[in-house]
Amino acid sequence: MDGTLSKKDFKEKYKYSESTYHRRINLFKQSKFRKGYIAPTKNEVHINIDLYEQFLKEKSAERLHYQTV
């Protein structure tokens, strides 16, 4: 799939531990960007990187109290 990474590749790209991965993905799956989490089976997970990057920018903007453009 274009623009997606497997769970393993995603963790490597962002240098996330297993616990950090679960913490961030749980937030991601509860956000308006949840369509970026693709799990056709329990053991097959893909994350849309474009949507995840947008999610990170929005979370940062919320935390720092400014608007994203």
PDB file of N, CA and C in Angstrom:
ATOM      1  N   MET A   1       0.847  -1.191   0.000  1.00  0.00           N
ATOM      2  CA  MET A   1       0.000   0.000   0.000  1.00  0.00           C
ATOM      3  C   MET A   1       0.886   1.246   0.000  1.00  0.00           C
ATOM      4  N   ASP A   2       0.561   2.171  -0.866  1.00  0.00           N
ATOM      5  CA  ASP A   2       1.325   3.406  -0.946  1.00  0.00           C
ATOM      6  C   ASP A   2       1.111   4.268   0.287  1.00  0.00           C
ATOM      7  N   GLY A   3       2.181   4.843   0.779  1.00  0.00           N
ATOM      8  CA  GLY A   3       2.090   5.769   1.898  1.00  0.00           C
ATOM      9  C   GLY A   3       1.846   5.113   3.241  1.00  0.00           C
ATOM     10  N   THR A   4       1.996   3.794   3.316  1.00  0.00           N
ATOM     11  CA  THR A   4       1.795   3.112   4.589  1.00  0.00           C
ATOM     12  C   THR A   4       3.046   2.336   4.973  1.00  0.00           C
ATOM     13  N   LEU A   5       3.161   2.101   6.268  1.00  0.00           N
ATOM     14  CA  LEU A   5       4.236   1.273   6.792  1.00  0.00           C
ATOM     15  C   LEU A   5       3.641   0.179   7.658  1.00  0.00           C
ATOM     16  N   SER A   6       4.306  -0.960   7.677  1.00  0.00           N
ATOM     17  CA  SER A   6       3.900  -2.024   8.595  1.00  0.00           C
ATOM     18  C   SER A   6       4.237  -1.574  10.023  1.00  0.00           C
ATOM     19  N   LYS A   7       3.700  -2.253  11.000  1.00  0.00           N
ATOM     20  CA  LYS A   7       3.973  -1.913  12.396  1.00  0.00           C
ATOM     21  C   LYS A   7       5.475  -1.918  12.652  1.00  0.00           C
ATOM     22  N   LYS A   8       6.165  -2.951  12.183  1.00  0.00           N
ATOM     23  CA  LYS A   8       7.604  -3.078  12.402  1.00  0.00           C
ATOM     24  C   LYS A   8       8.358  -1.896  11.785  1.00  0.00           C
ATOM     25  N   ASP A   9       8.056  -1.590  10.531  1.00  0.00           N
ATOM     26  CA  ASP A   9       8.726  -0.480   9.844  1.00  0.00           C
ATOM     27  C   ASP A   9       8.384   0.863  10.488  1.00  0.00           C
ATOM     28  N   PHE A  10       7.136   0.998  10.924  1.00  0.00           N
ATOM     29  CA  PHE A  10       6.686   2.220  11.592  1.00  0.00           C
ATOM     30  C   PHE A  10       7.489   2.449  12.876  1.00  0.00           C
ATOM     31  N   LYS A  11       7.614   1.396  13.685  1.00  0.00           N
ATOM     32  CA  LYS A  11       8.370   1.504  14.934  1.00  0.00           C
ATOM     33  C   LYS A  11       9.829   1.849  14.667  1.00  0.00           C
ATOM     34  N   GLU A  12      10.396   1.290  13.622  1.00  0.00           N
ATOM     35  CA  GLU A  12      11.788   1.588  13.270  1.00  0.00           C
ATOM     36  C   GLU A  12      11.938   3.032  12.803  1.00  0.00           C
ATOM     37  N   LYS A  13      11.021   3.491  11.967  1.00  0.00           N
ATOM     38  CA  LYS A  13      11.086   4.861  11.437  1.00  0.00           C
ATOM     39  C   LYS A  13      11.040   5.894  12.562  1.00  0.00           C
ATOM     40  N   TYR A  14      10.126   5.709  13.517  1.00  0.00           N
ATOM     41  CA  TYR A  14       9.957   6.679  14.593  1.00  0.00           C
ATOM     42  C   TYR A  14      10.760   6.330  15.842  1.00  0.00           C
ATOM     43  N   LYS A  15      11.484   5.206  15.794  1.00  0.00           N
ATOM     44  CA  LYS A  15      12.296   4.751  16.918  1.00  0.00           C
ATOM     45  C   LYS A  15      11.461   4.622  18.200  1.00  0.00           C
ATOM     46  N   TYR A  16      10.283   4.029  18.060  1.00  0.00           N
ATOM     47  CA  TYR A  16       9.369   3.818  19.191  1.00  0.00           C
ATOM     48  C   TYR A  16       9.613   2.450  19.816  1.00  0.00           C
ATOM     49  N   SER A  17       9.582   2.421  21.132  1.00  0.00           N
ATOM     50  CA  SER A  17       9.555   1.137  21.829  1.00  0.00           C
ATOM     51  C   SER A  17       8.135   0.581  21.686  1.00  0.00           C
ATOM     52  N   GLU A  18       7.952  -0.646  22.111  1.00  0.00           N
ATOM     53  CA  GLU A  18       6.622  -1.261  22.032  1.00  0.00           C
ATOM     54  C   GLU A  18       5.600  -0.469  22.855  1.00  0.00           C
ATOM     55  N   SER A  19       5.991  -0.045  24.052  1.00  0.00           N
ATOM     56  CA  SER A  19       5.053   0.699  24.909  1.00  0.00           C
ATOM     57  C   SER A  19       4.731   2.080  24.331  1.00  0.00           C
ATOM     58  N   THR A  20       5.730   2.750  23.784  1.00  0.00           N
ATOM     59  CA  THR A  20       5.480   4.054  23.153  1.00  0.00           C
ATOM     60  C   THR A  20       4.587   3.883  21.931  1.00  0.00           C
ATOM     61  N   TYR A  21       4.842   2.853  21.146  1.00  0.00           N
ATOM     62  CA  TYR A  21       4.006   2.565  19.981  1.00  0.00           C
ATOM     63  C   TYR A  21       2.541   2.424  20.402  1.00  0.00           C
ATOM     64  N   HIS A  22       2.279   1.610  21.411  1.00  0.00           N
ATOM     65  CA  HIS A  22       0.892   1.390  21.850  1.00  0.00           C
ATOM     66  C   HIS A  22       0.256   2.669  22.383  1.00  0.00           C
ATOM     67  N   ARG A  23       1.006   3.439  23.116  1.00  0.00           N
ATOM     68  CA  ARG A  23       0.476   4.687  23.668  1.00  0.00           C
ATOM     69  C   ARG A  23       0.105   5.654  22.549  1.00  0.00           C
ATOM     70  N   ARG A  24       0.991   5.826  21.574  1.00  0.00           N
ATOM     71  CA  ARG A  24       0.736   6.763  20.471  1.00  0.00           C
ATOM     72  C   ARG A  24      -0.359   6.249  19.533  1.00  0.00           C
ATOM     73  N   ILE A  25      -0.345   4.962  19.231  1.00  0.00           N
ATOM     74  CA  ILE A  25      -1.343   4.398  18.318  1.00  0.00           C
ATOM     75  C   ILE A  25      -2.732   4.456  18.946  1.00  0.00           C
ATOM     76  N   ASN A  26      -2.833   4.254  20.245  1.00  0.00           N
ATOM     77  CA  ASN A  26      -4.143   4.369  20.899  1.00  0.00           C
ATOM     78  C   ASN A  26      -4.699   5.779  20.746  1.00  0.00           C
ATOM     79  N   LEU A  27      -3.865   6.785  20.901  1.00  0.00           N
ATOM     80  CA  LEU A  27      -4.306   8.169  20.682  1.00  0.00           C
ATOM     81  C   LEU A  27      -4.686   8.390  19.218  1.00  0.00           C
ATOM     82  N   PHE A  28      -3.869   7.863  18.319  1.00  0.00           N
ATOM     83  CA  PHE A  28      -4.107   7.993  16.885  1.00  0.00           C
ATOM     84  C   PHE A  28      -5.445   7.355  16.498  1.00  0.00           C
ATOM     85  N   LYS A  29      -5.723   6.172  17.019  1.00  0.00           N
ATOM     86  CA  LYS A  29      -6.966   5.463  16.682  1.00  0.00           C
ATOM     87  C   LYS A  29      -8.199   6.145  17.259  1.00  0.00           C
ATOM     88  N   GLN A  30      -8.036   7.013  18.254  1.00  0.00           N
ATOM     89  CA  GLN A  30      -9.164   7.733  18.836  1.00  0.00           C
ATOM     90  C   GLN A  30      -9.339   9.124  18.232  1.00  0.00           C
ATOM     91  N   SER A  31      -8.463   9.489  17.315  1.00  0.00           N
ATOM     92  CA  SER A  31      -8.512  10.818  16.718  1.00  0.00           C
ATOM     93  C   SER A  31      -9.320  10.808  15.417  1.00  0.00           C
ATOM     94  N   LYS A  32      -9.466  11.988  14.841  1.00  0.00           N
ATOM     95  CA  LYS A  32     -10.158  12.094  13.554  1.00  0.00           C
ATOM     96  C   LYS A  32      -9.326  11.500  12.419  1.00  0.00           C
ATOM     97  N   PHE A  33      -8.088  11.147  12.695  1.00  0.00           N
ATOM     98  CA  PHE A  33      -7.196  10.558  11.703  1.00  0.00           C
ATOM     99  C   PHE A  33      -7.197   9.032  11.762  1.00  0.00           C
ATOM    100  N   ARG A  34      -8.120   8.445  12.494  1.00  0.00           N
ATOM    101  CA  ARG A  34      -8.139   6.990  12.736  1.00  0.00           C
ATOM    102  C   ARG A  34      -8.199   6.147  11.471  1.00  0.00           C
ATOM    103  N   LYS A  35      -8.637   6.730  10.365  1.00  0.00           N
ATOM    104  CA  LYS A  35      -8.661   5.972   9.105  1.00  0.00           C
ATOM    105  C   LYS A  35      -7.248   5.625   8.640  1.00  0.00           C
ATOM    106  N   GLY A  36      -6.251   6.249   9.230  1.00  0.00           N
ATOM    107  CA  GLY A  36      -4.867   5.968   8.895  1.00  0.00           C
ATOM    108  C   GLY A  36      -4.339   4.696   9.537  1.00  0.00           C
ATOM    109  N   TYR A  37      -5.133   4.107  10.431  1.00  0.00           N
ATOM    110  CA  TYR A  37      -4.759   2.845  11.064  1.00  0.00           C
ATOM    111  C   TYR A  37      -5.511   1.738  10.336  1.00  0.00           C
ATOM    112  N   ILE A  38      -4.776   0.895   9.636  1.00  0.00           N
ATOM    113  CA  ILE A  38      -5.381  -0.138   8.790  1.00  0.00           C
ATOM    114  C   ILE A  38      -4.988  -1.499   9.359  1.00  0.00           C
ATOM    115  N   ALA A  39      -5.982  -2.264   9.782  1.00  0.00           N
ATOM    116  CA  ALA A  39      -5.717  -3.575  10.382  1.00  0.00           C
ATOM    117  C   ALA A  39      -6.675  -4.610   9.799  1.00  0.00           C
ATOM    118  N   PRO A  40      -6.344  -5.173   8.633  1.00  0.00           N
ATOM    119  CA  PRO A  40      -7.221  -6.173   8.028  1.00  0.00           C
ATOM    120  C   PRO A  40      -7.334  -7.446   8.869  1.00  0.00           C
ATOM    121  N   THR A  41      -6.296  -7.757   9.636  1.00  0.00           N
ATOM    122  CA  THR A  41      -6.343  -8.884  10.573  1.00  0.00           C
ATOM    123  C   THR A  41      -5.694  -8.439  11.875  1.00  0.00           C
ATOM    124  N   LYS A  42      -5.808  -9.261  12.883  1.00  0.00           N
ATOM    125  CA  LYS A  42      -5.222  -8.939  14.183  1.00  0.00           C
ATOM    126  C   LYS A  42      -3.698  -8.822  14.104  1.00  0.00           C
ATOM    127  N   ASN A  43      -3.102  -9.596  13.223  1.00  0.00           N
ATOM    128  CA  ASN A  43      -1.645  -9.625  13.123  1.00  0.00           C
ATOM    129  C   ASN A  43      -1.065  -8.787  11.990  1.00  0.00           C
ATOM    130  N   GLU A  44      -1.917  -8.172  11.202  1.00  0.00           N
ATOM    131  CA  GLU A  44      -1.447  -7.346  10.079  1.00  0.00           C
ATOM    132  C   GLU A  44      -1.906  -5.913  10.286  1.00  0.00           C
ATOM    133  N   VAL A  45      -0.939  -5.026  10.494  1.00  0.00           N
ATOM    134  CA  VAL A  45      -1.253  -3.623  10.761  1.00  0.00           C
ATOM    135  C   VAL A  45      -0.425  -2.755   9.829  1.00  0.00           C
ATOM    136  N   HIS A  46      -1.071  -1.740   9.274  1.00  0.00           N
ATOM    137  CA  HIS A  46      -0.407  -0.746   8.431  1.00  0.00           C
ATOM    138  C   HIS A  46      -0.836   0.632   8.920  1.00  0.00           C
ATOM    139  N   ILE A  47       0.094   1.574   8.898  1.00  0.00           N
ATOM    140  CA  ILE A  47      -0.196   2.935   9.336  1.00  0.00           C
ATOM    141  C   ILE A  47       0.099   3.881   8.183  1.00  0.00           C
ATOM    142  N   ASN A  48      -0.886   4.721   7.855  1.00  0.00           N
ATOM    143  CA  ASN A  48      -0.723   5.720   6.812  1.00  0.00           C
ATOM    144  C   ASN A  48       0.141   6.847   7.379  1.00  0.00           C
ATOM    145  N   ILE A  49       1.312   7.021   6.827  1.00  0.00           N
ATOM    146  CA  ILE A  49       2.284   7.975   7.352  1.00  0.00           C
ATOM    147  C   ILE A  49       1.808   9.419   7.196  1.00  0.00           C
ATOM    148  N   ASP A  50       1.155   9.747   6.086  1.00  0.00           N
ATOM    149  CA  ASP A  50       0.670  11.118   5.887  1.00  0.00           C
ATOM    150  C   ASP A  50      -0.323  11.504   6.980  1.00  0.00           C
ATOM    151  N   LEU A  51      -1.270  10.603   7.261  1.00  0.00           N
ATOM    152  CA  LEU A  51      -2.252  10.900   8.304  1.00  0.00           C
ATOM    153  C   LEU A  51      -1.605  10.930   9.684  1.00  0.00           C
ATOM    154  N   TYR A  52      -0.632  10.066   9.915  1.00  0.00           N
ATOM    155  CA  TYR A  52       0.044  10.071  11.213  1.00  0.00           C
ATOM    156  C   TYR A  52       0.820  11.376  11.413  1.00  0.00           C
ATOM    157  N   GLU A  53       1.467  11.863  10.371  1.00  0.00           N
ATOM    158  CA  GLU A  53       2.190  13.136  10.464  1.00  0.00           C
ATOM    159  C   GLU A  53       1.223  14.292  10.756  1.00  0.00           C
ATOM    160  N   GLN A  54       0.068  14.285  10.121  1.00  0.00           N
ATOM    161  CA  GLN A  54      -0.947  15.310  10.395  1.00  0.00           C
ATOM    162  C   GLN A  54      -1.412  15.220  11.845  1.00  0.00           C
ATOM    163  N   PHE A  55      -1.608  13.999  12.311  1.00  0.00           N
ATOM    164  CA  PHE A  55      -2.004  13.768  13.704  1.00  0.00           C
ATOM    165  C   PHE A  55      -0.953  14.361  14.650  1.00  0.00           C
ATOM    166  N   LEU A  56       0.324  14.094  14.400  1.00  0.00           N
ATOM    167  CA  LEU A  56       1.383  14.620  15.262  1.00  0.00           C
ATOM    168  C   LEU A  56       1.392  16.149  15.269  1.00  0.00           C
ATOM    169  N   LYS A  57       1.217  16.748  14.105  1.00  0.00           N
ATOM    170  CA  LYS A  57       1.202  18.213  14.027  1.00  0.00           C
ATOM    171  C   LYS A  57       0.035  18.792  14.810  1.00  0.00           C
ATOM    172  N   GLU A  58      -1.135  18.157  14.691  1.00  0.00           N
ATOM    173  CA  GLU A  58      -2.302  18.651  15.414  1.00  0.00           C
ATOM    174  C   GLU A  58      -2.134  18.488  16.928  1.00  0.00           C
ATOM    175  N   LYS A  59      -1.593  17.341  17.357  1.00  0.00           N
ATOM    176  CA  LYS A  59      -1.367  17.125  18.793  1.00  0.00           C
ATOM    177  C   LYS A  59      -0.375  18.151  19.334  1.00  0.00           C
ATOM    178  N   SER A  60       0.647  18.441  18.567  1.00  0.00           N
ATOM    179  CA  SER A  60       1.623  19.442  18.976  1.00  0.00           C
ATOM    180  C   SER A  60       0.976  20.826  19.072  1.00  0.00           C
ATOM    181  N   ALA A  61       0.152  21.159  18.094  1.00  0.00           N
ATOM    182  CA  ALA A  61      -0.531  22.456  18.102  1.00  0.00           C
ATOM    183  C   ALA A  61      -1.451  22.574  19.316  1.00  0.00           C
ATOM    184  N   GLU A  62      -2.156  21.502  19.645  1.00  0.00           N
ATOM    185  CA  GLU A  62      -3.024  21.519  20.836  1.00  0.00           C
ATOM    186  C   GLU A  62      -2.192  21.741  22.090  1.00  0.00           C
ATOM    187  N   ARG A  63      -1.095  21.049  22.183  1.00  0.00           N
ATOM    188  CA  ARG A  63      -0.249  21.138  23.371  1.00  0.00           C
ATOM    189  C   ARG A  63       0.376  22.526  23.510  1.00  0.00           C
ATOM    190  N   LEU A  64       0.744  23.115  22.374  1.00  0.00           N
ATOM    191  CA  LEU A  64       1.396  24.427  22.398  1.00  0.00           C
ATOM    192  C   LEU A  64       0.412  25.581  22.195  1.00  0.00           C
ATOM    193  N   HIS A  65      -0.862  25.269  22.051  1.00  0.00           N
ATOM    194  CA  HIS A  65      -1.935  26.263  21.956  1.00  0.00           C
ATOM    195  C   HIS A  65      -1.804  27.214  20.769  1.00  0.00           C
ATOM    196  N   TYR A  66      -1.582  26.648  19.591  1.00  0.00           N
ATOM    197  CA  TYR A  66      -1.627  27.469  18.384  1.00  0.00           C
ATOM    198  C   TYR A  66      -2.338  26.694  17.288  1.00  0.00           C
ATOM    199  N   GLN A  67      -2.729  27.428  16.246  1.00  0.00           N
ATOM    200  CA  GLN A  67      -3.475  26.818  15.150  1.00  0.00           C
ATOM    201  C   GLN A  67      -2.534  26.337  14.077  1.00  0.00           C
ATOM    202  N   THR A  68      -2.895  25.187  13.480  1.00  0.00           N
ATOM    203  CA  THR A  68      -2.138  24.702  12.335  1.00  0.00           C
ATOM    204  C   THR A  68      -2.771  25.263  11.071  1.00  0.00           C
ATOM    205  N   VAL A  69      -1.968  25.470  10.057  1.00  0.00           N
ATOM    206  CA  VAL A  69      -2.488  25.977   8.780  1.00  0.00           C
ATOM    207  C   VAL A  69      -2.226  24.998   7.683  1.00  0.00           C
TER     208      VAL A  69
END
